[in-house]
Protein backbone atom coordinates (compact mmCIF):
# COMPACT_ATOMS: atom_id res chain seq x y z
CA MET A 1 -4.79 -8.55 16.77
CA GLU A 2 -5.06 -5.92 14.06
CA GLU A 3 -5.32 -8.13 10.97
CA LYS A 4 -5.46 -5.12 8.63
CA LYS A 5 -2.01 -3.89 9.62
CA LEU A 6 0.92 -5.29 7.67
CA PHE A 7 4.61 -5.52 8.53
CA VAL A 8 6.73 -4.79 5.45
CA VAL A 9 10.48 -5.35 5.30
CA GLY A 10 13.07 -5.02 2.55
CA PHE A 11 11.91 -1.97 0.62
CA PRO A 12 14.50 0.59 -0.54
CA TYR A 13 15.86 2.91 2.14
CA ALA A 14 15.03 5.93 -0.03
CA PHE A 15 11.32 5.03 -0.20
CA THR A 16 8.85 7.55 1.21
CA GLU A 17 5.63 6.71 3.02
CA GLN A 18 3.77 7.99 -0.06
CA GLU A 19 5.66 5.61 -2.36
CA LEU A 20 5.06 2.70 0.00
CA GLY A 21 1.34 3.49 0.12
CA ASP A 22 1.19 3.81 -3.67
CA ALA A 23 2.75 0.36 -4.07
CA PHE A 24 0.17 -1.20 -1.74
CA SER A 25 -2.80 0.60 -3.28
CA VAL A 26 -2.95 -2.11 -5.98
CA ALA A 27 -4.51 -4.35 -3.31
CA GLY A 28 -7.06 -1.84 -2.00
CA THR A 29 -7.41 1.27 0.12
CA VAL A 30 -4.35 2.17 2.17
CA VAL A 31 -5.40 3.73 5.49
CA SER A 32 -1.90 4.58 6.75
CA THR A 33 1.80 3.96 6.26
CA LYS A 34 4.67 4.24 8.70
CA ILE A 35 8.35 3.83 7.84
CA ILE A 36 10.60 3.17 10.83
CA MET A 37 13.55 5.56 10.98
CA GLU A 38 16.92 5.37 12.74
CA LYS A 39 16.95 7.72 15.71
CA GLU A 40 20.52 8.95 15.25
CA THR A 41 20.58 9.51 11.48
CA GLY A 42 16.93 9.94 10.54
CA ARG A 43 17.39 7.39 7.74
CA SER A 44 14.93 4.64 6.96
CA ARG A 45 15.64 1.24 8.48
CA GLY A 46 14.06 -0.48 5.46
CA PHE A 47 10.94 -1.69 7.21
CA GLY A 48 7.61 -0.32 8.27
CA PHE A 49 3.87 -0.81 8.44
CA VAL A 50 0.97 -0.44 6.03
CA GLU A 51 -2.62 -0.50 7.23
CA MET A 52 -5.27 -1.55 4.73
CA SER A 53 -8.98 -0.76 5.10
CA THR A 54 -10.14 -4.39 5.44
CA LYS A 55 -8.75 -7.81 6.35
CA ASP A 56 -9.47 -8.99 2.80
CA GLU A 57 -7.44 -6.13 1.32
CA ALA A 58 -4.60 -6.89 3.73
CA GLN A 59 -4.61 -10.52 2.61
CA ALA A 60 -4.72 -9.41 -1.04
CA ALA A 61 -1.66 -7.21 -0.41
CA ILE A 62 0.20 -10.18 1.08
CA ASP A 63 -0.82 -12.40 -1.84
CA HIS A 64 0.19 -9.83 -4.48
CA LEU A 65 3.28 -8.24 -2.96
CA ASN A 66 5.04 -10.71 -0.64
CA GLY A 67 8.27 -11.86 -2.28
CA THR A 68 8.06 -9.34 -5.11
CA ASN A 69 10.61 -6.79 -6.27
CA LEU A 70 9.88 -3.27 -5.11
CA GLY A 71 12.32 -0.57 -6.16
CA GLY A 72 15.03 -3.14 -6.88
CA ARG A 73 14.67 -5.05 -3.61
CA MET A 74 12.64 -8.11 -2.66
CA ILE A 75 10.07 -7.31 0.03
CA ASN A 76 8.42 -9.51 2.63
CA VAL A 77 4.87 -8.72 3.71
CA ASN A 78 3.11 -10.29 6.70
CA ILE A 79 0.35 -9.50 9.16
CA ALA A 80 1.88 -7.27 11.87
CA LYS A 81 2.19 -8.87 15.29
CA PRO A 82 1.56 -6.89 18.49
CA LEU A 83 4.58 -5.75 20.49
CA GLY A 84 3.41 -7.64 23.56
CA GLY A 85 4.34 -10.97 21.96
CA ARG A 86 8.07 -10.18 21.93
CA SER A 87 10.54 -11.45 24.48
CA GLY A 88 12.69 -8.32 24.58
CA GLY A 89 15.48 -9.81 22.49
CA ARG A 90 16.17 -12.78 24.75
CA SER A 91 15.33 -16.20 23.45
CA ASP A 92 13.85 -18.85 25.69
CA ARG A 93 17.11 -20.77 25.38
CA SER A 94 19.20 -17.90 26.77
CA ARG A 95 16.72 -17.49 29.62
CA ASP A 96 17.07 -21.22 30.40
CA ARG A 97 20.84 -20.87 30.40
CA ASP A 98 20.58 -18.02 32.90
CA ASP A 99 18.36 -20.14 35.12
CA ARG A 100 20.90 -22.98 35.14
CA SER A 101 23.75 -20.64 36.04
CA ASP A 102 21.85 -19.53 39.13
CA ARG A 103 21.81 -23.11 40.39
CA ARG A 104 25.56 -23.76 40.14
CA ASP A 105 27.31 -24.84 43.28
CA TYR A 106 30.48 -22.83 43.68
CA THR A 107 31.59 -24.50 46.92
CA ARG A 108 34.39 -27.00 46.57
């Protein structure tokens, strides 16, 4: 897991990658920023990623910025999780429900 990469959500839609990086520079050296954009409109989705140069700087960014007001909005900052850990939008519970439906006896 890349413990230097942070997931940031809640910042203003008008924020640029430069502004996001500037905000996080209080915790150390910002290596990269990436704001996720809507495909259809090209507008920000209000979340993105910031990569710090060290794990300690990433933790300092979490400690200093998580839950703070940035551009009039409260942001949440966490260590980014790899995509492989996602279930594709289906919870375990919905998968269990699907499994049960396959076992129904429709003969009467």
